[in-house]
Amino acid sequence: MQCGFNTARAAAGLCAHRNTVERRVSRADELSAVKVEDNPTHVAAALLVLDIAPDIVTTGPN
């Protein structure tokens, strides 16, 4: 999102191949109820919450 959805620029910033970035975004889209490109603000907010409070995510029933 910080690279304006430009996968080549994102890949350069992450020192990764463009295809790797595209696969990871595709995988995130598969796992998420909200697609990154459809609602970048929602996704950015969710990532910020995970950055601030990583323990908020559960791995399943306890």
C-alpha atoms as a PDB file:
ATOM      1  CA  MET A   1       0.000   0.000   0.000  1.00  0.00           C
ATOM      2  CA  GLN A   2       2.884   2.327   0.800  1.00  0.00           C
ATOM      3  CA  CYS A   3       4.133   1.893  -2.767  1.00  0.00           C
ATOM      4  CA  GLY A   4       0.803   2.792  -4.336  1.00  0.00           C
ATOM      5  CA  PHE A   5       0.087  -0.848  -5.221  1.00  0.00           C
ATOM      6  CA  ASN A   6       3.153  -0.900  -7.463  1.00  0.00           C
ATOM      7  CA  THR A   7       4.555  -4.401  -7.010  1.00  0.00           C
ATOM      8  CA  ALA A   8       7.898  -3.607  -8.658  1.00  0.00           C
ATOM      9  CA  ARG A   9       8.494  -0.707  -6.267  1.00  0.00           C
ATOM     10  CA  ALA A  10       7.341  -2.768  -3.281  1.00  0.00           C
ATOM     11  CA  ALA A  11       9.634  -5.619  -4.298  1.00  0.00           C
ATOM     12  CA  ALA A  12      12.604  -3.274  -4.566  1.00  0.00           C
ATOM     13  CA  GLY A  13      11.863  -1.853  -1.118  1.00  0.00           C
ATOM     14  CA  LEU A  14      11.584  -5.340   0.362  1.00  0.00           C
ATOM     15  CA  CYS A  15      14.593  -6.729  -1.524  1.00  0.00           C
ATOM     16  CA  ALA A  16      12.300  -9.383  -2.987  1.00  0.00           C
ATOM     17  CA  HIS A  17      11.252 -10.439  -6.467  1.00  0.00           C
ATOM     18  CA  ARG A  18       8.106  -8.846  -7.899  1.00  0.00           C
ATOM     19  CA  ASN A  19       6.485 -12.285  -8.285  1.00  0.00           C
ATOM     20  CA  THR A  20       7.043 -12.962  -4.584  1.00  0.00           C
ATOM     21  CA  VAL A  21       5.212  -9.760  -3.676  1.00  0.00           C
ATOM     22  CA  GLU A  22       2.370 -10.590  -6.066  1.00  0.00           C
ATOM     23  CA  ARG A  23       2.010 -14.118  -4.630  1.00  0.00           C
ATOM     24  CA  ARG A  24       1.945 -12.809  -1.065  1.00  0.00           C
ATOM     25  CA  VAL A  25      -0.693 -10.206  -1.873  1.00  0.00           C
ATOM     26  CA  SER A  26      -2.739 -12.886  -3.657  1.00  0.00           C
ATOM     27  CA  ARG A  27      -2.426 -15.159  -0.626  1.00  0.00           C
ATOM     28  CA  ALA A  28      -3.473 -12.348   1.699  1.00  0.00           C
ATOM     29  CA  ASP A  29      -6.505 -11.753  -0.516  1.00  0.00           C
ATOM     30  CA  GLU A  30      -7.414 -15.463  -0.310  1.00  0.00           C
ATOM     31  CA  LEU A  31      -7.196 -15.469   3.481  1.00  0.00           C
ATOM     32  CA  SER A  32      -8.930 -12.162   4.091  1.00  0.00           C
ATOM     33  CA  ALA A  33     -12.585 -11.225   3.966  1.00  0.00           C
ATOM     34  CA  VAL A  34     -11.478  -7.853   2.577  1.00  0.00           C
ATOM     35  CA  LYS A  35      -9.356  -7.605  -0.560  1.00  0.00           C
ATOM     36  CA  VAL A  36      -6.338  -5.304  -0.260  1.00  0.00           C
ATOM     37  CA  GLU A  37      -7.139  -3.297  -3.382  1.00  0.00           C
ATOM     38  CA  ASP A  38     -10.872  -3.059  -2.592  1.00  0.00           C
ATOM     39  CA  ASN A  39     -10.408  -1.392   0.791  1.00  0.00           C
ATOM     40  CA  PRO A  40      -6.793  -0.396   1.499  1.00  0.00           C
ATOM     41  CA  THR A  41      -7.784   1.684   4.532  1.00  0.00           C
ATOM     42  CA  HIS A  42      -9.403  -1.313   6.229  1.00  0.00           C
ATOM     43  CA  VAL A  43      -6.391  -3.500   5.508  1.00  0.00           C
ATOM     44  CA  ALA A  44      -3.936  -0.802   6.666  1.00  0.00           C
ATOM     45  CA  ALA A  45      -5.856  -0.431   9.928  1.00  0.00           C
ATOM     46  CA  ALA A  46      -5.825  -4.195  10.493  1.00  0.00           C
ATOM     47  CA  LEU A  47      -2.084  -4.370   9.853  1.00  0.00           C
ATOM     48  CA  LEU A  48      -1.502  -1.472  12.242  1.00  0.00           C
ATOM     49  CA  VAL A  49      -3.466  -3.257  14.972  1.00  0.00           C
ATOM     50  CA  LEU A  50      -1.415  -6.414  14.397  1.00  0.00           C
ATOM     51  CA  ASP A  51       1.784  -4.385  14.602  1.00  0.00           C
ATOM     52  CA  ILE A  52       0.743  -2.722  17.855  1.00  0.00           C
ATOM     53  CA  ALA A  53      -0.877  -5.771  19.480  1.00  0.00           C
ATOM     54  CA  PRO A  54       0.379  -8.977  17.836  1.00  0.00           C
ATOM     55  CA  ASP A  55      -1.132 -11.115  20.607  1.00  0.00           C
ATOM     56  CA  ILE A  56      -4.635 -10.098  19.521  1.00  0.00           C
ATOM     57  CA  VAL A  57      -4.632 -12.863  16.899  1.00  0.00           C
ATOM     58  CA  THR A  58      -5.644 -16.299  18.078  1.00  0.00           C
ATOM     59  CA  THR A  59      -4.649 -19.508  16.356  1.00  0.00           C
ATOM     60  CA  GLY A  60      -7.869 -21.309  17.169  1.00  0.00           C
ATOM     61  CA  PRO A  61     -10.093 -22.396  20.030  1.00  0.00           C
ATOM     62  CA  ASN A  62      -8.421 -22.766  23.397  1.00  0.00           C
END
